[in-house]
Amino acid sequence: MFDRLEIMQMAQSMARHAALRQTAVTQNIANADTPGYRARDAASFAQTYEADDAMALRQSRASHLGAEVSASAKLLVQDGTPSPNGNSVSLEEEMVRAVDIRREHDLALSIYKSSLGILRNSLGRSGA
């Protein structure tokens, strides 16, 4: 009953999205001097969550096919002014993006912790 709460799934999706974006930022920074490299990032969480919800198969058991269908695993090439060697990575933009990703991940953790606290209180288990 409590293992498939939508708020918990949403928090988990938000944390996965933040991890995907963090991977993109680290790849962008690692390739900051690579000629012709184009900076990448994922679509916003709202867009990917709506797409996941619309595309996901409805299941009543974990053993059903399609349990891990996700449209959010796609990195998009970012528009930006390329340098003379064709590289479009801006270290300043990547650092700002990393801070935004940290905020997104912290929000996902806060949602999860708050939901877990509400669930524990409703069951009468208000322990630490």
Protein backbone atom coordinates (compact mmCIF):
# COMPACT_ATOMS: atom_id res chain seq x y z
CA MET A 1 0.00 0.00 0.00
CA PHE A 2 2.70 2.51 0.97
CA ASP A 3 5.45 1.26 -1.36
CA ARG A 4 4.16 3.10 -4.46
CA LEU A 5 3.19 6.55 -3.12
CA GLU A 6 3.28 9.10 -5.92
CA ILE A 7 5.06 11.74 -3.80
CA MET A 8 7.88 9.28 -3.09
CA GLN A 9 8.12 8.37 -6.77
CA MET A 10 8.21 12.05 -7.70
CA ALA A 11 11.01 12.75 -5.21
CA GLN A 12 12.95 9.78 -6.56
CA SER A 13 12.45 11.00 -10.14
CA MET A 14 13.61 14.47 -9.15
CA ALA A 15 16.78 13.04 -7.56
CA ARG A 16 17.47 10.92 -10.67
CA HIS A 17 16.98 13.97 -12.87
CA ALA A 18 19.45 15.94 -10.74
CA ALA A 19 21.96 13.08 -11.06
CA LEU A 20 21.53 13.04 -14.84
CA ARG A 21 22.09 16.80 -15.02
CA GLN A 22 25.14 16.55 -12.74
CA THR A 23 26.61 13.93 -15.07
CA ALA A 24 26.08 16.29 -18.01
CA VAL A 25 27.79 19.16 -16.16
CA THR A 26 30.80 17.01 -15.28
CA GLN A 27 31.09 15.85 -18.91
CA ASN A 28 30.84 19.44 -20.11
CA ILE A 29 33.56 20.60 -17.71
CA ALA A 30 35.78 17.66 -18.62
CA ASN A 31 35.45 18.56 -22.31
CA ALA A 32 35.82 22.32 -21.89
CA ASP A 33 38.96 22.32 -24.08
CA THR A 34 37.87 19.67 -26.59
CA PRO A 35 37.55 21.16 -30.09
CA GLY A 36 34.03 20.86 -31.49
CA TYR A 37 32.43 19.68 -28.25
CA ARG A 38 28.90 20.98 -27.71
CA ALA A 39 27.63 21.54 -24.14
CA ARG A 40 24.79 19.24 -23.05
CA ASP A 41 22.05 19.35 -20.42
CA ALA A 42 18.77 17.55 -19.74
CA ALA A 43 15.35 19.08 -20.28
CA SER A 44 13.70 20.61 -17.23
CA PHE A 45 12.33 18.26 -14.58
CA ALA A 46 8.76 19.44 -15.23
CA GLN A 47 9.03 18.48 -18.91
CA THR A 48 10.57 15.08 -18.24
CA TYR A 49 8.18 14.23 -15.40
CA GLU A 50 5.17 15.06 -17.58
CA ALA A 51 6.63 13.00 -20.41
CA ASP A 52 7.36 10.08 -18.07
CA ASP A 53 3.82 10.22 -16.68
CA ALA A 54 2.25 10.33 -20.12
CA MET A 55 4.43 7.52 -21.50
CA ALA A 56 4.63 5.24 -18.48
CA LEU A 57 2.66 2.04 -18.43
CA ARG A 58 0.26 1.69 -15.54
CA GLN A 59 1.13 -1.29 -13.36
CA SER A 60 -0.45 -3.06 -10.45
CA ARG A 61 2.61 -5.23 -9.75
CA ALA A 62 6.34 -4.64 -9.92
CA SER A 63 6.73 -7.75 -12.10
CA HIS A 64 4.78 -6.18 -14.98
CA LEU A 65 6.74 -5.21 -18.08
CA GLY A 66 7.75 -1.58 -18.48
CA ALA A 67 8.60 -0.95 -14.83
CA GLU A 68 11.51 1.38 -15.67
CA VAL A 69 10.26 3.29 -18.72
CA SER A 70 11.88 6.73 -18.67
CA ALA A 71 12.04 9.54 -21.20
CA SER A 72 14.28 11.64 -18.97
CA ALA A 73 17.53 9.86 -19.87
CA LYS A 74 18.14 12.10 -22.88
CA LEU A 75 20.74 14.85 -22.89
CA LEU A 76 20.11 17.77 -25.19
CA VAL A 77 22.77 19.89 -26.88
CA GLN A 78 22.66 23.40 -25.43
CA ASP A 79 22.58 26.48 -27.61
CA GLY A 80 25.57 28.67 -27.01
CA THR A 81 28.14 30.75 -28.75
CA PRO A 82 30.97 28.44 -29.72
CA SER A 83 34.57 29.48 -29.34
CA PRO A 84 36.82 29.59 -32.43
CA ASN A 85 37.57 25.87 -32.05
CA GLY A 86 33.82 25.03 -32.04
CA ASN A 87 33.53 24.29 -28.32
CA SER A 88 30.39 25.74 -26.69
CA VAL A 89 31.20 25.01 -23.00
CA SER A 90 31.23 28.04 -20.69
CA LEU A 91 32.77 27.19 -17.33
CA GLU A 92 30.86 30.03 -15.67
CA GLU A 93 27.51 28.70 -16.94
CA GLU A 94 28.43 25.18 -15.87
CA MET A 95 29.23 26.34 -12.33
CA VAL A 96 25.88 28.17 -12.12
CA ARG A 97 24.16 25.05 -13.46
CA ALA A 98 25.93 22.90 -10.83
CA VAL A 99 24.56 25.14 -8.05
CA ASP A 100 21.06 24.86 -9.53
CA ILE A 101 21.40 21.08 -9.67
CA ARG A 102 22.47 20.98 -6.02
CA ARG A 103 19.37 22.99 -5.13
CA GLU A 104 17.19 20.59 -7.15
CA HIS A 105 18.72 17.56 -5.41
CA ASP A 106 18.30 19.15 -1.96
CA LEU A 107 14.65 19.84 -2.78
CA ALA A 108 14.13 16.19 -3.75
CA LEU A 109 15.66 15.09 -0.45
CA SER A 110 13.51 17.55 1.50
CA ILE A 111 10.34 16.31 -0.19
CA TYR A 112 11.31 12.71 0.55
CA LYS A 113 12.19 13.40 4.21
CA SER A 114 9.02 15.42 4.79
CA SER A 115 6.83 12.75 3.20
CA LEU A 116 8.54 10.04 5.20
CA GLY A 117 7.96 12.02 8.41
CA ILE A 118 4.27 12.45 7.61
CA LEU A 119 3.97 8.75 6.84
CA ARG A 120 5.70 7.78 10.10
CA ASN A 121 3.50 10.13 12.13
CA SER A 122 0.37 8.73 10.52
CA LEU A 123 1.47 5.23 11.51
CA GLY A 124 2.30 6.34 15.04
CA ARG A 125 6.04 5.83 14.64
CA SER A 126 7.41 9.30 15.18
CA GLY A 127 10.93 8.11 16.08
CA ALA A 128 14.03 9.91 14.82
